[in-house]
Amino acid sequence: MAISSESQREFRTCLAQYPTGICVVTVRGRSHAAGMTLNSFISVSLDPCLVLISLANGSRTATTLEAGARFTISFLQRWQAHIAHAFARSGAPFPTRLVSEVDGHLEVRGALAVIRCTAERLVPGGDHVLVIGDVSKFEHRDGEPLVFYRGRIGGMHWDLDSHVGGWDVLDLQVPQHSSAAADAKRSLAMPAQGEPRSERSTLS
């Protein structure tokens, strides 16, 4: 059902009440690499391991990612806000300095977790295309995730006041004078293959 632009804005505001993590999707096409920042990630199945991402129609990443292609999902750490911004710039050159190539996959250096996939199926979904990925390998390390909530990004902390326990979103506004340059330097200084991971798994 078609809706008005005003209703679309209201729907976007409604969806913004749901906090999510932030990830970067990268793919190497036949002639170029592409990637974008997104929060539309879903774990679909454990057996087999399947995940789903949603890409905007017409985006460089969506037009580059074909069925059967290999792509990577990198979950960002809190200090990697500058990477989220770098991959969110429409039409900007691919930020090669922020990624490493591992087993034919492009992944963000120092990411909190990395999921390497093959595009099993592409399904049209309105103004987006849904990509179901068959997971081949995944890695993760300890760290704090980068979180998106109500149009802002930040981190999380453990809620010590609740007997149930849980996570609270906090510090969602990135400081105007944040040390983005220092963060970028940290990322660029990492080894080509990234730091040792705390966990590693290969699926057969």
Protein backbone atom coordinates (compact mmCIF):
# COMPACT_ATOMS: atom_id res chain seq x y z
CA MET A 1 0.00 0.00 0.00
CA ALA A 2 1.39 3.39 -1.03
CA ILE A 3 1.61 5.98 1.75
CA SER A 4 2.19 9.73 1.80
CA SER A 5 5.60 11.28 2.43
CA GLU A 6 4.33 12.50 5.80
CA SER A 7 3.35 8.97 6.78
CA GLN A 8 6.75 7.74 5.66
CA ARG A 9 8.43 10.25 7.99
CA GLU A 10 6.18 9.20 10.86
CA PHE A 11 6.96 5.54 10.18
CA ARG A 12 10.69 6.30 10.20
CA THR A 13 10.28 8.08 13.55
CA CYS A 14 8.40 5.07 14.89
CA LEU A 15 11.15 2.67 13.80
CA ALA A 16 13.77 4.92 15.39
CA GLN A 17 12.45 3.92 18.81
CA TYR A 18 14.07 0.52 18.33
CA PRO A 19 17.84 0.60 19.10
CA THR A 20 20.13 -1.45 16.88
CA GLY A 21 23.78 -2.13 16.31
CA ILE A 22 25.64 -0.62 13.36
CA CYS A 23 27.47 -2.66 10.76
CA VAL A 24 29.26 -2.17 7.47
CA VAL A 25 28.55 -4.42 4.50
CA THR A 26 31.35 -4.80 1.95
CA VAL A 27 31.52 -6.62 -1.37
CA ARG A 28 34.12 -6.87 -4.12
CA GLY A 29 32.46 -6.67 -7.53
CA ARG A 30 33.90 -7.62 -10.90
CA SER A 31 35.51 -4.22 -11.39
CA HIS A 32 35.23 -2.39 -8.07
CA ALA A 33 34.59 -2.70 -4.35
CA ALA A 34 31.49 -1.32 -2.65
CA GLY A 35 30.26 -0.96 0.89
CA MET A 36 27.75 0.84 3.04
CA THR A 37 26.76 1.44 6.65
CA LEU A 38 23.46 -0.06 7.77
CA ASN A 39 21.53 -1.28 10.79
CA SER A 40 19.11 -3.56 8.94
CA PHE A 41 20.72 -6.88 9.89
CA ILE A 42 18.86 -10.01 10.99
CA SER A 43 19.98 -13.45 12.11
CA VAL A 44 17.72 -15.82 10.17
CA SER A 45 18.79 -19.37 11.02
CA LEU A 46 21.33 -21.36 13.04
CA ASP A 47 21.04 -24.56 11.02
CA PRO A 48 22.12 -23.70 8.42
CA CYS A 49 23.66 -20.39 9.50
CA LEU A 50 21.85 -17.70 7.53
CA VAL A 51 21.68 -13.94 7.93
CA LEU A 52 19.76 -11.19 6.16
CA ILE A 53 20.60 -7.60 5.24
CA SER A 54 18.50 -4.95 3.52
CA LEU A 55 20.08 -2.71 0.86
CA ALA A 56 18.50 0.37 -0.74
CA ASN A 57 17.62 -0.08 -4.40
CA GLY A 58 20.03 1.79 -6.63
CA SER A 59 22.79 1.99 -4.03
CA ARG A 60 26.26 1.11 -5.27
CA THR A 61 26.42 -1.84 -2.87
CA ALA A 62 23.05 -3.22 -4.01
CA THR A 63 23.99 -2.99 -7.69
CA THR A 64 27.38 -4.62 -7.02
CA LEU A 65 26.17 -7.54 -4.89
CA GLU A 66 24.94 -10.35 -7.12
CA ALA A 67 23.53 -13.75 -6.23
CA GLY A 68 26.44 -16.08 -5.47
CA ALA A 69 28.79 -13.19 -4.64
CA ARG A 70 30.85 -13.13 -1.46
CA PHE A 71 30.19 -10.31 0.98
CA THR A 72 31.14 -9.43 4.54
CA ILE A 73 29.26 -7.92 7.46
CA SER A 74 31.44 -6.11 10.02
CA PHE A 75 29.89 -5.12 13.36
CA LEU A 76 31.43 -1.83 14.47
CA GLN A 77 32.91 -1.03 17.86
CA ARG A 78 31.97 2.14 19.72
CA TRP A 79 35.23 3.88 18.83
CA GLN A 80 34.63 3.23 15.12
CA ALA A 81 31.98 5.93 14.58
CA HIS A 82 34.26 7.55 12.00
CA ILE A 83 34.09 4.32 9.96
CA ALA A 84 30.29 4.36 10.08
CA HIS A 85 30.36 7.91 8.70
CA ALA A 86 32.94 7.03 6.03
CA PHE A 87 30.78 4.23 4.59
CA ALA A 88 27.58 6.29 4.90
CA ARG A 89 28.67 9.00 2.43
CA SER A 90 26.75 8.50 -0.81
CA GLY A 91 28.97 8.57 -3.88
CA ALA A 92 32.21 8.78 -1.89
CA PRO A 93 35.20 6.67 -2.98
CA PHE A 94 35.48 3.28 -1.32
CA PRO A 95 37.60 3.79 1.87
CA THR A 96 40.18 1.13 1.11
CA ARG A 97 42.39 2.22 4.04
CA LEU A 98 39.74 1.07 6.53
CA VAL A 99 39.45 -2.54 5.34
CA SER A 100 41.58 -5.64 4.96
CA GLU A 101 41.14 -8.53 2.54
CA VAL A 102 40.86 -11.94 4.20
CA ASP A 103 40.20 -15.07 2.15
CA GLY A 104 38.77 -12.98 -0.67
CA HIS A 105 36.48 -11.02 1.67
CA LEU A 106 36.80 -7.32 2.51
CA GLU A 107 36.30 -6.62 6.21
CA VAL A 108 36.61 -3.58 8.46
CA ARG A 109 39.81 -3.58 10.46
CA GLY A 110 39.31 -4.02 14.19
CA ALA A 111 35.58 -4.76 13.90
CA LEU A 112 33.77 -6.19 16.90
CA ALA A 113 32.63 -9.16 14.80
CA VAL A 114 32.96 -10.23 11.19
CA ILE A 115 30.58 -12.52 9.29
CA ARG A 116 31.69 -13.76 5.87
CA CYS A 117 28.88 -14.84 3.59
CA THR A 118 27.82 -15.89 0.12
CA ALA A 119 24.69 -14.25 -1.25
CA GLU A 120 22.28 -17.18 -1.45
CA ARG A 121 19.20 -15.25 -2.50
CA LEU A 122 18.17 -11.69 -3.43
CA VAL A 123 14.53 -10.84 -2.75
CA PRO A 124 12.87 -7.56 -3.85
CA GLY A 125 11.30 -5.73 -0.92
CA GLY A 126 9.73 -2.40 -1.85
CA ASP A 127 12.44 0.23 -2.19
CA HIS A 128 15.05 -2.23 -0.87
CA VAL A 129 16.47 -5.60 -1.82
CA LEU A 130 16.75 -8.29 0.87
CA VAL A 131 19.94 -10.34 0.72
CA ILE A 132 20.02 -13.72 2.43
CA GLY A 133 23.60 -14.68 3.22
CA ASP A 134 24.93 -18.20 3.73
CA VAL A 135 27.57 -17.84 6.47
CA SER A 136 30.93 -19.50 5.75
CA LYS A 137 33.09 -18.05 8.54
CA PHE A 138 32.68 -15.71 11.48
CA GLU A 139 34.96 -14.11 14.07
CA HIS A 140 34.39 -11.92 17.10
CA ARG A 141 36.30 -10.18 19.88
CA ASP A 142 35.50 -8.51 23.18
CA GLY A 143 34.49 -4.88 22.97
CA GLU A 144 31.63 -2.40 23.14
CA PRO A 145 29.24 -2.13 20.17
CA LEU A 146 28.37 1.02 18.29
CA VAL A 147 24.64 1.64 18.73
CA PHE A 148 22.05 3.55 16.67
CA TYR A 149 19.01 5.02 18.41
CA ARG A 150 16.67 7.87 17.39
CA GLY A 151 19.06 9.04 14.69
CA ARG A 152 22.07 9.16 17.01
CA ILE A 153 25.00 6.85 17.61
CA GLY A 154 26.88 5.93 20.78
CA GLY A 155 27.55 3.09 23.20
CA MET A 156 25.96 1.03 25.92
CA HIS A 157 26.50 0.20 29.59
CA TRP A 158 25.28 -2.48 31.99
CA ASP A 159 22.25 -1.50 34.04
CA LEU A 160 23.38 -2.21 37.62
CA ASP A 161 20.16 -0.83 39.14
CA SER A 162 17.92 -3.53 37.71
CA HIS A 163 17.61 -6.90 39.44
CA VAL A 164 16.83 -8.38 36.02
CA GLY A 165 19.85 -6.80 34.38
CA GLY A 166 20.13 -5.54 30.85
CA TRP A 167 21.72 -2.92 28.65
CA ASP A 168 21.01 0.80 28.67
CA VAL A 169 21.82 3.05 25.74
CA LEU A 170 23.86 6.07 26.73
CA ASP A 171 25.99 8.89 25.33
CA LEU A 172 24.25 8.63 21.98
CA GLN A 173 25.29 12.03 20.72
CA VAL A 174 28.80 11.93 19.28
CA PRO A 175 30.76 14.88 20.74
CA GLN A 176 31.30 17.71 18.27
CA HIS A 177 35.00 17.69 19.13
CA SER A 178 35.50 13.93 19.26
CA SER A 179 38.92 12.53 18.44
CA ALA A 180 37.91 11.14 15.05
CA ALA A 181 41.43 11.71 13.77
CA ALA A 182 42.87 9.66 16.63
CA ASP A 183 40.33 6.92 15.96
CA ALA A 184 41.24 6.85 12.31
CA LYS A 185 44.92 6.64 13.24
CA ARG A 186 44.18 3.66 15.48
CA SER A 187 42.39 1.93 12.65
CA LEU A 188 45.10 2.61 10.10
CA ALA A 189 47.81 1.45 12.51
CA MET A 190 46.30 -2.01 12.85
CA PRO A 191 48.03 -4.95 11.14
CA ALA A 192 46.83 -5.81 7.66
CA GLN A 193 45.07 -8.90 8.93
CA GLY A 194 43.67 -7.19 12.05
CA GLU A 195 44.36 -8.06 15.67
CA PRO A 196 44.01 -11.64 16.92
CA ARG A 197 40.37 -12.59 17.37
CA SER A 198 38.99 -14.00 20.59
CA GLU A 199 36.84 -16.53 18.76
CA ARG A 200 36.97 -17.97 15.26
CA SER A 201 34.75 -20.44 13.47
CA THR A 202 34.50 -21.96 10.02
CA LEU A 203 31.25 -23.56 8.92
CA SER A 204 31.23 -26.59 6.64
